[in-house]
């Protein structure tokens, strides 16, 4: 059995992988297209995502039984896996707390005027403009781990929180959420939404779910925060809405194209906070996904069910 590792493992992590892999070959790929292609060719399993989307179309997937990514979103890999029998697992749930914290930080930075305050600080200008006036209500699109975490945090800030999830309302409750709706009806809530949080997976159904029509329905001063996937938001429509001056601002941790192109107006709009995918950035030391990789590899070797298995039809 051959396991390709598309990331640089720490010595401690590699030792644990070797212990659970038994006699399987662990092939650590260097960060080049050629060596990555060499490592994945003939592999039974692939751990990691570095250059994965680049090499998936370039080799025969025969024998490839499992791919494990370090990301919660897997939309870029799904269409590239040639054999539907190849299992795909994600890092869903590992970053919920950090990304939810980051989403609320983005919202507060804009709604409390901290972005403008930092700009004025550089120029040593002592000014005290009024804060945004928008309804004290939030709408969270997507109530998985991240969305539920956002809801709990903004409710603690005193906002009334409504949420949308694919399966709609149920008997279960979510901390801080007063109303749960399904895929139909959430747009009716936009008129009274002062803070709109995007926490959905990117699928065919959710691509550009926020466009010109939805942006026009938001009240003056509303703030949009996207910590999920850039493709959820029509960026051209957002730029136009921000330039019109109706919206309060946008806190964006993810973009349709990453890195964000230098020519993008989002860089220079005064009421936009560009956060280059910082929600799940961690310092040196153990990475949060290492334990998941070790546990899932042990399950794979033993022929057991894998954690965080992606539903190909749903896309997450």
Protein backbone atom coordinates (compact mmCIF):
# COMPACT_ATOMS: atom_id res chain seq x y z
CA UNK A 1 0.00 0.00 0.00
CA UNK A 2 1.26 3.49 -0.88
CA UNK A 3 0.23 6.70 0.91
CA UNK A 4 1.22 10.04 -0.68
CA UNK A 5 1.71 13.00 1.66
CA UNK A 6 1.25 16.38 -0.01
CA UNK A 7 2.48 18.52 2.86
CA UNK A 8 5.65 18.70 4.97
CA UNK A 9 4.92 16.59 8.10
CA UNK A 10 6.63 17.28 11.38
CA UNK A 11 8.88 14.50 12.69
CA UNK A 12 6.40 13.71 15.47
CA UNK A 13 3.44 13.60 13.10
CA UNK A 14 5.31 11.47 10.56
CA UNK A 15 6.26 9.00 13.28
CA UNK A 16 2.61 8.64 14.30
CA UNK A 17 1.57 8.14 10.69
CA UNK A 18 4.19 5.41 10.27
CA UNK A 19 2.95 3.66 13.41
CA UNK A 20 -0.68 3.55 12.26
CA UNK A 21 0.22 2.80 8.62
CA UNK A 22 1.92 -0.47 9.51
CA UNK A 23 3.89 -1.63 6.50
CA UNK A 24 2.45 0.92 4.08
CA UNK A 25 4.85 3.13 2.13
CA UNK A 26 4.65 6.82 3.05
CA UNK A 27 5.84 9.00 0.18
CA UNK A 28 6.37 12.66 1.15
CA UNK A 29 6.20 14.84 -1.97
CA UNK A 30 8.39 17.87 -2.44
CA UNK A 31 6.67 21.12 -3.39
CA UNK A 32 7.11 20.76 -7.14
CA UNK A 33 4.59 19.64 -9.77
CA UNK A 34 6.89 16.86 -10.95
CA UNK A 35 7.53 15.36 -7.54
CA UNK A 36 3.89 15.69 -6.53
CA UNK A 37 2.87 13.82 -9.67
CA UNK A 38 5.44 11.14 -8.94
CA UNK A 39 4.18 10.71 -5.37
CA UNK A 40 0.48 10.41 -6.24
CA UNK A 41 1.00 8.05 -9.18
CA UNK A 42 0.07 4.58 -8.01
CA UNK A 43 -1.02 5.81 -4.57
CA UNK A 44 -3.83 4.10 -2.68
CA UNK A 45 -4.43 7.23 -0.64
CA UNK A 46 -3.47 10.90 -0.70
CA UNK A 47 -3.17 13.01 2.43
CA UNK A 48 -3.02 16.79 2.04
CA UNK A 49 -3.88 19.26 -0.70
CA UNK A 50 -0.67 20.97 -1.82
CA UNK A 51 -0.75 20.97 -5.66
CA UNK A 52 -3.53 18.38 -5.50
CA UNK A 53 -5.90 20.20 -7.87
CA UNK A 54 -2.97 20.72 -10.23
CA UNK A 55 -2.01 17.05 -10.51
CA UNK A 56 -5.37 15.26 -10.21
CA UNK A 57 -6.12 15.59 -13.94
CA UNK A 58 -2.63 14.38 -14.90
CA UNK A 59 -2.51 10.78 -13.70
CA UNK A 60 -4.49 7.57 -13.87
CA UNK A 61 -6.62 7.27 -10.73
CA UNK A 62 -6.78 3.48 -10.89
CA UNK A 63 -6.16 2.17 -7.40
CA UNK A 64 -6.76 5.54 -5.71
CA UNK A 65 -9.20 4.77 -2.93
CA UNK A 66 -9.09 7.78 -0.64
CA UNK A 67 -8.19 11.50 -0.59
CA UNK A 68 -8.00 13.50 2.66
CA UNK A 69 -7.76 17.30 2.55
CA UNK A 70 -6.81 19.87 5.17
CA UNK A 71 -9.74 22.07 4.18
CA UNK A 72 -13.42 22.04 5.08
CA UNK A 73 -14.40 23.05 1.54
CA UNK A 74 -13.73 20.50 -1.21
CA UNK A 75 -15.47 22.03 -4.24
CA UNK A 76 -12.24 22.33 -6.25
CA UNK A 77 -11.42 18.62 -5.90
CA UNK A 78 -14.80 16.95 -6.45
CA UNK A 79 -15.00 17.45 -10.23
CA UNK A 80 -11.40 16.26 -10.66
CA UNK A 81 -11.78 12.84 -9.05
CA UNK A 82 -12.27 10.49 -11.98
CA UNK A 83 -13.61 7.47 -10.08
CA UNK A 84 -16.76 7.99 -8.03
CA UNK A 85 -15.65 5.14 -5.78
CA UNK A 86 -12.69 7.20 -4.52
CA UNK A 87 -13.57 8.40 -1.03
CA UNK A 88 -13.01 12.06 -0.19
CA UNK A 89 -12.77 13.31 3.38
CA UNK A 90 -12.45 16.88 4.57
CA UNK A 91 -11.31 18.79 7.64
CA UNK A 92 -14.87 19.79 8.47
CA UNK A 93 -15.29 20.95 12.04
CA UNK A 94 -11.62 21.54 12.85
CA UNK A 95 -11.71 25.29 12.35
CA UNK A 96 -15.20 26.11 13.63
CA UNK A 97 -14.17 28.06 16.73
CA UNK A 98 -11.41 30.07 15.06
CA UNK A 99 -13.43 30.98 11.97
CA UNK A 100 -16.48 31.96 14.03
CA UNK A 101 -14.27 34.22 16.17
CA UNK A 102 -12.79 35.74 13.04
CA UNK A 103 -16.21 36.39 11.49
CA UNK A 104 -17.36 38.32 14.53
CA UNK A 105 -14.08 40.25 14.63
CA UNK A 106 -14.61 41.32 11.02
CA UNK A 107 -18.18 42.42 11.74
CA UNK A 108 -17.22 44.42 14.84
CA UNK A 109 -14.24 46.04 13.10
CA UNK A 110 -16.53 47.45 10.44
CA UNK A 111 -19.67 48.16 12.44
CA UNK A 112 -17.68 49.94 15.17
CA UNK A 113 -15.65 51.94 12.69
CA UNK A 114 -12.29 50.41 13.58
CA UNK A 115 -11.24 50.05 9.95
CA UNK A 116 -11.58 53.79 9.40
CA UNK A 117 -9.97 54.52 12.77
CA UNK A 118 -6.87 52.59 11.73
CA UNK A 119 -6.71 54.53 8.46
CA UNK A 120 -6.94 57.84 10.33
CA UNK A 121 -4.32 56.68 12.84
CA UNK A 122 -1.72 56.45 10.08
CA UNK A 123 -2.45 60.10 9.22
CA UNK A 124 -2.63 61.16 12.89
CA UNK A 125 -6.17 62.48 12.39
CA UNK A 126 -8.30 62.73 15.52
CA UNK A 127 -11.83 62.31 14.21
CA UNK A 128 -14.90 60.68 15.73
CA UNK A 129 -17.40 59.83 12.99
CA UNK A 130 -20.67 58.17 14.05
CA UNK A 131 -20.92 54.42 13.96
CA UNK A 132 -23.14 52.61 11.49
CA UNK A 133 -26.84 52.57 12.19
CA UNK A 134 -28.36 49.31 11.00
CA UNK A 135 -30.98 46.97 12.47
CA UNK A 136 -29.70 45.01 15.47
CA UNK A 137 -30.45 41.76 13.69
CA UNK A 138 -28.23 39.17 12.04
CA UNK A 139 -28.89 36.56 9.38
CA UNK A 140 -26.52 33.59 9.24
CA UNK A 141 -26.62 31.60 6.01
CA UNK A 142 -25.44 28.11 6.90
CA UNK A 143 -25.84 26.73 10.42
CA UNK A 144 -23.11 24.11 10.48
CA UNK A 145 -20.35 24.31 13.04
CA UNK A 146 -19.06 27.69 11.89
CA UNK A 147 -22.48 29.25 11.36
CA UNK A 148 -23.76 28.02 14.72
CA UNK A 149 -20.64 29.47 16.36
CA UNK A 150 -21.22 32.83 14.69
CA UNK A 151 -24.86 32.84 15.78
CA UNK A 152 -23.96 32.17 19.39
CA UNK A 153 -21.37 34.94 19.45
CA UNK A 154 -23.43 37.68 17.81
CA UNK A 155 -26.42 36.80 19.97
CA UNK A 156 -24.17 37.43 22.98
CA UNK A 157 -23.53 40.88 21.51
CA UNK A 158 -27.24 41.60 21.77
CA UNK A 159 -28.38 40.96 18.21
CA UNK A 160 -31.50 39.07 17.26
CA UNK A 161 -30.26 36.18 15.13
CA UNK A 162 -32.07 34.33 12.35
CA UNK A 163 -30.49 31.52 10.37
CA UNK A 164 -30.89 29.51 7.18
CA UNK A 165 -29.93 25.88 6.73
CA UNK A 166 -30.53 23.43 3.92
CA UNK A 167 -32.93 21.15 5.79
CA UNK A 168 -34.86 24.02 7.29
CA UNK A 169 -36.29 24.22 10.81
CA UNK A 170 -36.31 21.13 12.97
CA UNK A 171 -36.92 20.02 16.52
CA UNK A 172 -33.34 20.79 17.51
CA UNK A 173 -32.40 24.28 18.65
CA UNK A 174 -29.29 26.35 17.99
CA UNK A 175 -27.93 28.61 20.71
CA UNK A 176 -28.84 32.22 20.07
CA UNK A 177 -30.96 31.60 16.94
CA UNK A 178 -34.57 32.75 17.23
CA UNK A 179 -35.73 31.72 13.75
CA UNK A 180 -34.54 29.00 11.38
CA UNK A 181 -35.69 28.86 7.76
CA UNK A 182 -34.87 26.62 4.83
CA UNK A 183 -33.70 27.44 1.33
CA UNK A 184 -37.03 29.11 0.62
CA UNK A 185 -37.93 32.21 2.54
CA UNK A 186 -34.61 33.50 3.80
CA UNK A 187 -34.58 36.36 1.30
CA UNK A 188 -37.68 37.75 2.97
CA UNK A 189 -35.54 38.35 6.06
CA UNK A 190 -32.99 40.55 4.29
CA UNK A 191 -34.93 43.82 4.70
CA UNK A 192 -34.35 43.72 8.46
CA UNK A 193 -30.84 42.26 8.47
CA UNK A 194 -28.11 44.54 9.78
CA UNK A 195 -25.39 41.87 9.69
CA UNK A 196 -25.31 39.16 7.03
CA UNK A 197 -22.91 36.27 7.63
CA UNK A 198 -22.05 33.73 4.93
CA UNK A 199 -21.10 30.30 6.28
CA UNK A 200 -22.32 27.98 3.52
CA UNK A 201 -20.42 25.38 1.51
CA UNK A 202 -19.93 26.29 -2.14
CA UNK A 203 -22.12 24.12 -4.36
CA UNK A 204 -24.05 24.57 -7.58
CA UNK A 205 -27.03 25.73 -5.53
CA UNK A 206 -25.10 28.28 -3.44
CA UNK A 207 -22.81 29.82 -6.08
CA UNK A 208 -23.39 33.60 -6.09
CA UNK A 209 -26.28 33.16 -3.70
CA UNK A 210 -25.76 36.80 -2.78
CA UNK A 211 -26.11 38.92 -5.91
CA UNK A 212 -27.59 42.28 -6.98
CA UNK A 213 -31.14 41.34 -6.01
CA UNK A 214 -30.17 40.25 -2.49
CA UNK A 215 -27.86 43.23 -1.92
CA UNK A 216 -30.61 45.69 -2.84
CA UNK A 217 -32.89 44.19 -0.21
CA UNK A 218 -30.46 44.87 2.64
CA UNK A 219 -31.16 47.99 4.72
CA UNK A 220 -28.84 51.02 4.81
CA UNK A 221 -25.74 50.43 6.91
CA UNK A 222 -25.87 46.64 6.66
CA UNK A 223 -22.56 44.78 6.94
CA UNK A 224 -21.72 41.60 5.02
CA UNK A 225 -19.19 39.07 6.34
CA UNK A 226 -17.98 36.13 4.25
CA UNK A 227 -15.81 33.50 5.94
CA UNK A 228 -16.90 30.57 3.78
CA UNK A 229 -16.13 30.65 0.05
CA UNK A 230 -15.67 33.62 -2.27
CA UNK A 231 -17.94 32.08 -4.89
CA UNK A 232 -20.97 32.58 -2.64
CA UNK A 233 -20.85 36.30 -3.30
CA UNK A 234 -21.13 38.19 -6.59
CA UNK A 235 -18.11 40.44 -6.05
CA UNK A 236 -18.94 42.81 -8.91
CA UNK A 237 -22.40 43.36 -7.48
CA UNK A 238 -20.90 43.89 -4.02
CA UNK A 239 -18.45 46.50 -5.32
CA UNK A 240 -21.30 48.33 -7.04
CA UNK A 241 -23.45 48.28 -3.90
CA UNK A 242 -20.60 49.54 -1.73
CA UNK A 243 -19.82 52.37 -4.13
CA UNK A 244 -23.46 53.43 -4.04
CA UNK A 245 -22.98 54.04 -0.33
CA UNK A 246 -26.00 52.13 0.90
CA UNK A 247 -24.18 49.27 2.58
CA UNK A 248 -22.16 49.81 5.70
CA UNK A 249 -19.28 47.64 4.57
CA UNK A 250 -17.97 44.14 4.03
CA UNK A 251 -15.53 41.94 5.93
CA UNK A 252 -14.15 39.36 3.52
CA UNK A 253 -11.91 36.46 4.51
CA UNK A 254 -12.37 34.60 1.25
CA UNK A 255 -12.58 35.59 -2.41
CA UNK A 256 -13.57 34.22 -5.79
CA UNK A 257 -9.91 34.36 -6.87
CA UNK A 258 -7.14 33.89 -4.32
CA UNK A 259 -4.80 35.62 -3.89
CA UNK A 260 -7.06 38.59 -4.51
CA UNK A 261 -5.89 40.20 -7.78
CA UNK A 262 -4.13 43.54 -7.35
CA UNK A 263 -6.58 45.20 -9.73
CA UNK A 264 -9.59 44.28 -7.58
CA UNK A 265 -11.45 47.37 -6.27
CA UNK A 266 -11.95 45.53 -2.99
CA UNK A 267 -8.40 46.43 -1.99
CA UNK A 268 -9.07 50.15 -1.92
CA UNK A 269 -12.73 50.59 -0.99
CA UNK A 270 -12.70 52.35 2.40
CA UNK A 271 -15.50 50.28 3.92
CA UNK A 272 -14.02 46.87 3.04
CA UNK A 273 -11.75 44.83 5.30
CA UNK A 274 -9.67 42.42 3.23
CA UNK A 275 -8.61 39.43 5.32
CA UNK A 276 -6.50 36.97 3.26
CA UNK A 277 -8.06 33.73 4.47
CA UNK A 278 -6.87 34.31 8.04
CA UNK A 279 -9.73 32.52 9.76
CA UNK A 280 -7.93 29.19 9.88
CA UNK A 281 -4.30 30.33 10.07
CA UNK A 282 -2.41 28.89 13.01
CA UNK A 283 1.00 29.50 14.49
CA UNK A 284 3.97 27.12 14.53
CA UNK A 285 3.57 23.77 16.22
CA UNK A 286 0.97 21.07 15.90
CA UNK A 287 -1.58 21.72 13.18
CA UNK A 288 -5.21 20.97 14.11
CA UNK A 289 -5.66 18.55 11.23
CA UNK A 290 -2.76 16.26 12.17
CA UNK A 291 -4.77 14.23 14.67
CA UNK A 292 -7.57 13.78 12.13
CA UNK A 293 -5.09 12.53 9.52
CA UNK A 294 -3.61 10.05 11.99
CA UNK A 295 -7.00 8.76 13.11
CA UNK A 296 -8.40 8.50 9.59
CA UNK A 297 -5.28 6.73 8.29
CA UNK A 298 -5.63 4.18 11.08
CA UNK A 299 -9.26 3.64 10.08
CA UNK A 300 -8.34 3.33 6.41
CA UNK A 301 -5.70 0.69 7.11
CA UNK A 302 -8.17 -1.29 9.23
CA UNK A 303 -10.94 -0.95 6.65
CA UNK A 304 -13.19 1.08 8.95
CA UNK A 305 -15.52 3.97 8.13
CA UNK A 306 -13.72 7.28 7.71
CA UNK A 307 -14.53 10.49 9.57
CA UNK A 308 -15.68 13.58 7.66
CA UNK A 309 -16.70 11.66 4.56
CA UNK A 310 -17.89 14.02 1.82
CA UNK A 311 -21.28 13.42 0.20
CA UNK A 312 -20.53 13.85 -3.50
CA UNK A 313 -24.13 14.73 -4.37
CA UNK A 314 -24.36 17.48 -1.79
CA UNK A 315 -20.80 18.66 -2.36
CA UNK A 316 -19.77 18.73 1.31
